[in-house]
Amino acid sequence: MSRRLMLLRHAKAVASTHSDGEAGDHARDLSERGRGEASALGRRLQQRGMQPEVALVSGALRTRRTWDLLAPFTTPEPQLVVSDRLYLASIGELRAMLRETSDDVASLILVGHNPGLHELALNLAGHDGDHAGLPAGLPTCTLIGFEVSGRWSDLGPGTTSNLMMMRP
């Protein structure tokens, strides 16, 4: 059974200040530009028939808002899992969460943060550096899609194909 994995970096957020600290960073909302880009990306996903069954979303406000703007374009509504485990998660933590996914799930979207999300995309594409045709640093509101062969619990390099990138 082939599965689809979509990795989405949250849309553009309002600027952070050095005095924000981690709690302030967690509470950053989307900028006006970010809200428009998230809605536009939702329309593109709908037009391409890219319907996730499950949405794993970081508990940070900017990721939840990104999902809120994408969700109206997903029907039926996917199972939503909001988790602070995804907030600024490392590649290892992201992969661990994905590997916990039931094999009954055929399509999943993960809405998260850099640098872990970018590192995971490079790893799944089979590259340790920026050689996979992926933009450096994975810009905001960029979706990277993969076809996954095998079980979610086996997810890693060599288990994905058909790298695809989408922007609003």
Protein backbone atom coordinates (compact mmCIF):
# COMPACT_ATOMS: atom_id res chain seq x y z
CA MET A 1 0.00 0.00 0.00
CA SER A 2 1.34 3.40 -0.98
CA ARG A 3 0.90 6.24 1.48
CA ARG A 4 1.20 10.01 1.08
CA LEU A 5 3.12 12.17 3.52
CA MET A 6 2.89 15.95 3.36
CA LEU A 7 5.28 18.08 5.41
CA LEU A 8 4.18 21.71 5.76
CA ARG A 9 6.10 24.50 7.40
CA HIS A 10 3.69 26.95 9.01
CA ALA A 11 2.78 30.13 7.15
CA LYS A 12 4.57 33.43 7.77
CA ALA A 13 4.24 34.53 11.40
CA VAL A 14 4.50 37.94 13.00
CA ALA A 15 8.02 38.92 13.97
CA SER A 16 9.47 37.71 17.22
CA THR A 17 11.31 39.90 19.68
CA HIS A 18 14.25 38.77 21.78
CA SER A 19 12.22 39.42 24.93
CA ASP A 20 9.49 36.97 23.86
CA GLY A 21 11.22 33.87 25.16
CA GLU A 22 9.87 30.41 24.35
CA ALA A 23 6.37 31.17 25.68
CA GLY A 24 6.17 34.25 23.47
CA ASP A 25 7.46 32.35 20.46
CA HIS A 26 4.85 29.62 21.02
CA ALA A 27 2.13 32.31 20.99
CA ARG A 28 3.18 34.05 17.75
CA ASP A 29 0.26 34.42 15.34
CA LEU A 30 0.29 34.55 11.55
CA SER A 31 1.00 37.77 9.73
CA GLU A 32 -1.48 39.09 7.17
CA ARG A 33 0.73 37.66 4.43
CA GLY A 34 0.80 34.30 6.21
CA ARG A 35 -3.00 34.15 6.45
CA GLY A 36 -3.34 34.79 2.72
CA GLU A 37 -0.68 32.22 1.82
CA ALA A 38 -2.23 29.52 4.02
CA SER A 39 -5.65 29.99 2.41
CA ALA A 40 -4.11 29.97 -1.07
CA LEU A 41 -2.23 26.76 -0.31
CA GLY A 42 -5.45 25.18 0.95
CA ARG A 43 -7.12 25.94 -2.38
CA ARG A 44 -4.17 24.41 -4.27
CA LEU A 45 -4.35 21.23 -2.18
CA GLN A 46 -8.07 20.97 -2.86
CA GLN A 47 -7.57 21.51 -6.61
CA ARG A 48 -4.97 18.74 -6.71
CA GLY A 49 -7.13 16.36 -4.65
CA MET A 50 -4.54 16.12 -1.89
CA GLN A 51 -6.78 15.12 0.99
CA PRO A 52 -5.11 14.08 4.25
CA GLU A 53 -6.84 11.59 6.53
CA VAL A 54 -4.83 12.77 9.55
CA ALA A 55 -3.38 16.18 10.38
CA LEU A 56 -0.55 16.31 12.93
CA VAL A 57 -0.21 19.95 13.98
CA SER A 58 2.22 21.56 16.41
CA GLY A 59 0.61 23.23 19.40
CA ALA A 60 2.17 26.61 18.56
CA LEU A 61 -0.35 29.26 17.59
CA ARG A 62 1.15 29.89 14.13
CA THR A 63 0.89 26.21 13.15
CA ARG A 64 -2.66 25.89 14.49
CA ARG A 65 -3.71 29.04 12.59
CA THR A 66 -2.07 27.70 9.42
CA TRP A 67 -4.10 24.51 9.77
CA ASP A 68 -7.30 26.47 10.55
CA LEU A 69 -6.93 28.26 7.19
CA LEU A 70 -6.19 25.02 5.29
CA ALA A 71 -8.88 22.89 6.94
CA PRO A 72 -11.90 24.36 5.10
CA PHE A 73 -10.43 22.98 1.87
CA THR A 74 -10.20 19.42 3.21
CA THR A 75 -13.35 17.33 2.98
CA PRO A 76 -14.06 15.14 4.69
CA GLU A 77 -12.38 16.74 7.67
CA PRO A 78 -9.24 14.83 8.68
CA GLN A 79 -8.59 13.55 12.16
CA LEU A 80 -6.78 16.41 13.90
CA VAL A 81 -3.97 15.75 16.38
CA VAL A 82 -2.49 18.88 17.98
CA SER A 83 0.68 18.13 19.91
CA ASP A 84 3.34 20.18 21.65
CA ARG A 85 5.72 17.30 20.85
CA LEU A 86 5.90 18.86 17.37
CA TYR A 87 6.85 22.34 18.63
CA LEU A 88 10.40 22.95 17.36
CA ALA A 89 10.85 19.17 17.26
CA SER A 90 14.04 17.52 16.11
CA ILE A 91 14.16 15.24 13.10
CA GLY A 92 14.20 12.27 15.49
CA GLU A 93 11.05 13.38 17.32
CA LEU A 94 9.22 14.13 14.07
CA ARG A 95 10.10 10.74 12.65
CA ALA A 96 9.07 9.06 15.94
CA MET A 97 5.62 10.69 15.80
CA LEU A 98 5.14 9.72 12.17
CA ARG A 99 6.18 6.14 12.92
CA GLU A 100 3.40 5.95 15.52
CA THR A 101 0.77 6.44 12.80
CA SER A 102 -1.62 3.55 12.21
CA ASP A 103 -1.01 1.64 9.00
CA ASP A 104 -4.70 2.18 8.20
CA VAL A 105 -3.86 5.85 7.44
CA ALA A 106 -3.14 6.40 3.75
CA SER A 107 -2.53 10.17 3.78
CA LEU A 108 -1.08 12.41 6.47
CA ILE A 109 -0.08 16.06 6.77
CA LEU A 110 2.34 17.31 9.41
CA VAL A 111 2.33 21.07 10.10
CA GLY A 112 5.46 22.08 11.95
CA HIS A 113 8.63 24.11 12.21
CA ASN A 114 12.19 24.43 10.98
CA PRO A 115 14.87 23.30 11.35
CA GLY A 116 13.50 19.82 12.14
CA LEU A 117 10.97 19.79 9.30
CA HIS A 118 13.57 20.76 6.70
CA GLU A 119 16.03 18.19 8.05
CA LEU A 120 13.33 15.50 7.90
CA ALA A 121 12.46 16.40 4.29
CA LEU A 122 16.12 16.18 3.28
CA ASN A 123 16.53 12.89 5.13
CA LEU A 124 13.46 11.32 3.52
CA ALA A 125 14.60 12.56 0.11
CA GLY A 126 17.87 10.73 0.75
CA HIS A 127 20.11 13.76 1.17
CA ASP A 128 22.11 15.12 4.09
CA GLY A 129 22.51 18.57 2.55
CA ASP A 130 20.56 20.94 0.34
CA HIS A 131 20.91 18.75 -2.76
CA ALA A 132 17.40 17.36 -3.04
CA GLY A 133 15.94 20.21 -5.05
CA LEU A 134 14.52 21.56 -1.81
CA PRO A 135 14.90 25.24 -1.02
CA ALA A 136 17.47 26.07 1.64
CA GLY A 137 15.86 26.37 5.04
CA LEU A 138 12.38 25.41 3.78
CA PRO A 139 10.53 28.73 3.46
CA THR A 140 7.29 29.35 5.32
CA CYS A 141 4.11 27.88 3.82
CA THR A 142 6.06 25.37 1.74
CA LEU A 143 4.65 21.86 1.43
CA ILE A 144 6.90 18.90 0.62
CA GLY A 145 5.09 15.72 -0.41
CA PHE A 146 6.30 12.14 -0.59
CA GLU A 147 4.89 8.79 -1.57
CA VAL A 148 5.75 6.36 1.21
CA SER A 149 6.21 2.68 0.52
CA GLY A 150 5.78 0.24 3.35
CA ARG A 151 4.56 0.88 6.85
CA TRP A 152 4.66 4.17 8.73
CA SER A 153 6.72 2.45 11.43
CA ASP A 154 9.47 1.85 8.84
CA LEU A 155 9.60 5.47 7.63
CA GLY A 156 13.12 6.61 6.82
CA PRO A 157 15.57 7.16 3.96
CA GLY A 158 14.83 4.84 1.07
CA THR A 159 11.14 4.46 1.94
CA THR A 160 9.90 7.49 0.00
CA SER A 161 9.66 8.53 -3.64
CA ASN A 162 8.06 11.11 -5.91
CA LEU A 163 9.31 14.17 -4.09
CA MET A 164 6.92 17.08 -4.74
CA MET A 165 7.01 20.68 -3.58
CA MET A 166 4.09 23.12 -3.47
CA ARG A 167 3.87 26.81 -2.56
CA PRO A 168 0.80 29.07 -2.45
